[in-house]
Amino acid sequence: MTGPWLPGLQVRRTEYGQTPVADYLCGACLHHERVVGRREVEDFVIAGPTTEHRDNCPATQQGVQAA
C-alpha cells in the first residue's frame, strides 16, 4: 500500500479487473494481516478480522501497553 496506513479493513485491486487485496491494520497494537486473491479476500471479509482480532488484541488486555 502506498500513502498513510489507516487502521481498519481496506480492500483494493492491484489494477482494474486484477487481483483483489485486503489489508487489516489494528490501530491499537499495529497488528497487520494481508490476504490476496478473490476467494481469500471474500472469506477474510466474511470472517470479520476486526471483531476476531479485538478479542485477542494485546493492547486491550489489562496490564499491557500499546506499542
C-alpha atoms as a PDB file:
ATOM      1  CA  MET A   1       0.000   0.000   0.000  1.00  0.00           C
ATOM      2  CA  THR A   2       1.171   3.473  -0.681  1.00  0.00           C
ATOM      3  CA  GLY A   3       0.412   6.558   1.339  1.00  0.00           C
ATOM      4  CA  PRO A   4      -0.538   6.684   5.003  1.00  0.00           C
ATOM      5  CA  TRP A   5      -1.673   3.482   6.660  1.00  0.00           C
ATOM      6  CA  LEU A   6      -5.068   3.868   8.291  1.00  0.00           C
ATOM      7  CA  PRO A   7      -6.352   1.409  10.877  1.00  0.00           C
ATOM      8  CA  GLY A   8      -9.174  -0.886   9.879  1.00  0.00           C
ATOM      9  CA  LEU A   9     -10.030  -3.092   6.917  1.00  0.00           C
ATOM     10  CA  GLN A  10      -9.156  -1.892   3.426  1.00  0.00           C
ATOM     11  CA  VAL A  11      -9.940  -3.793   0.230  1.00  0.00           C
ATOM     12  CA  ARG A  12      -8.498  -2.802  -3.133  1.00  0.00           C
ATOM     13  CA  ARG A  13      -7.486  -4.216  -6.500  1.00  0.00           C
ATOM     14  CA  THR A  14      -3.996  -4.099  -7.949  1.00  0.00           C
ATOM     15  CA  GLU A  15      -5.470  -2.640 -11.166  1.00  0.00           C
ATOM     16  CA  TYR A  16      -8.876  -2.675 -12.847  1.00  0.00           C
ATOM     17  CA  GLY A  17     -10.075  -6.258 -13.061  1.00  0.00           C
ATOM     18  CA  GLN A  18      -6.984  -7.626 -11.355  1.00  0.00           C
ATOM     19  CA  THR A  19      -6.329  -9.469  -8.103  1.00  0.00           C
ATOM     20  CA  PRO A  20      -8.119  -8.103  -5.017  1.00  0.00           C
ATOM     21  CA  VAL A  21      -6.038  -7.406  -1.913  1.00  0.00           C
ATOM     22  CA  ALA A  22      -7.348  -6.944   1.640  1.00  0.00           C
ATOM     23  CA  ASP A  23      -5.311  -5.365   4.432  1.00  0.00           C
ATOM     24  CA  TYR A  24      -6.270  -5.192   8.095  1.00  0.00           C
ATOM     25  CA  LEU A  25      -4.342  -2.928  10.473  1.00  0.00           C
ATOM     26  CA  CYS A  26      -5.121  -2.684  14.179  1.00  0.00           C
ATOM     27  CA  GLY A  27      -4.692   0.904  15.357  1.00  0.00           C
ATOM     28  CA  ALA A  28      -4.038  -0.152  18.953  1.00  0.00           C
ATOM     29  CA  CYS A  29      -1.302  -2.787  18.600  1.00  0.00           C
ATOM     30  CA  LEU A  30      -0.313  -2.260  14.929  1.00  0.00           C
ATOM     31  CA  HIS A  31      -1.057  -5.901  14.031  1.00  0.00           C
ATOM     32  CA  HIS A  32      -1.201  -6.292  10.232  1.00  0.00           C
ATOM     33  CA  GLU A  33      -2.747  -9.006   8.066  1.00  0.00           C
ATOM     34  CA  ARG A  34      -2.871  -9.184   4.267  1.00  0.00           C
ATOM     35  CA  VAL A  35      -4.732 -11.600   2.026  1.00  0.00           C
ATOM     36  CA  VAL A  36      -4.553 -11.775  -1.751  1.00  0.00           C
ATOM     37  CA  GLY A  37      -6.962 -13.413  -4.155  1.00  0.00           C
ATOM     38  CA  ARG A  38     -10.695 -13.215  -4.722  1.00  0.00           C
ATOM     39  CA  ARG A  39     -11.763 -16.235  -2.661  1.00  0.00           C
ATOM     40  CA  GLU A  40      -9.313 -15.448   0.153  1.00  0.00           C
ATOM     41  CA  VAL A  41     -10.494 -11.815   0.360  1.00  0.00           C
ATOM     42  CA  GLU A  42     -14.145 -12.902   0.389  1.00  0.00           C
ATOM     43  CA  ASP A  43     -13.508 -15.376   3.211  1.00  0.00           C
ATOM     44  CA  PHE A  44     -11.409 -12.816   5.130  1.00  0.00           C
ATOM     45  CA  VAL A  45     -14.113 -10.135   4.962  1.00  0.00           C
ATOM     46  CA  ILE A  46     -16.863 -12.596   5.912  1.00  0.00           C
ATOM     47  CA  ALA A  47     -14.811 -13.772   8.909  1.00  0.00           C
ATOM     48  CA  GLY A  48     -14.660 -10.194  10.245  1.00  0.00           C
ATOM     49  CA  PRO A  49     -10.990  -9.565  11.045  1.00  0.00           C
ATOM     50  CA  THR A  50     -11.804  -6.558  13.227  1.00  0.00           C
ATOM     51  CA  THR A  51     -14.083  -8.487  15.556  1.00  0.00           C
ATOM     52  CA  GLU A  52     -11.836 -11.537  15.519  1.00  0.00           C
ATOM     53  CA  HIS A  53      -8.719  -9.547  16.418  1.00  0.00           C
ATOM     54  CA  ARG A  54     -10.443  -7.425  19.060  1.00  0.00           C
ATOM     55  CA  ASP A  55     -10.835 -10.498  21.286  1.00  0.00           C
ATOM     56  CA  ASN A  56      -7.095 -11.284  21.133  1.00  0.00           C
ATOM     57  CA  CYS A  57      -5.580  -7.806  20.831  1.00  0.00           C
ATOM     58  CA  PRO A  58      -2.673  -7.462  23.289  1.00  0.00           C
ATOM     59  CA  ALA A  59      -3.313  -3.702  23.573  1.00  0.00           C
ATOM     60  CA  THR A  60      -6.762  -4.295  25.049  1.00  0.00           C
ATOM     61  CA  GLN A  61      -5.549  -6.817  27.637  1.00  0.00           C
ATOM     62  CA  GLN A  62      -5.140  -5.456  31.150  1.00  0.00           C
ATOM     63  CA  GLY A  63      -1.599  -4.632  32.175  1.00  0.00           C
ATOM     64  CA  VAL A  64      -0.300  -4.401  28.594  1.00  0.00           C
ATOM     65  CA  GLN A  65       0.570  -1.101  26.957  1.00  0.00           C
ATOM     66  CA  ALA A  66       0.192  -0.446  23.233  1.00  0.00           C
ATOM     67  CA  ALA A  67       3.322  -0.225  21.097  1.00  0.00           C
END
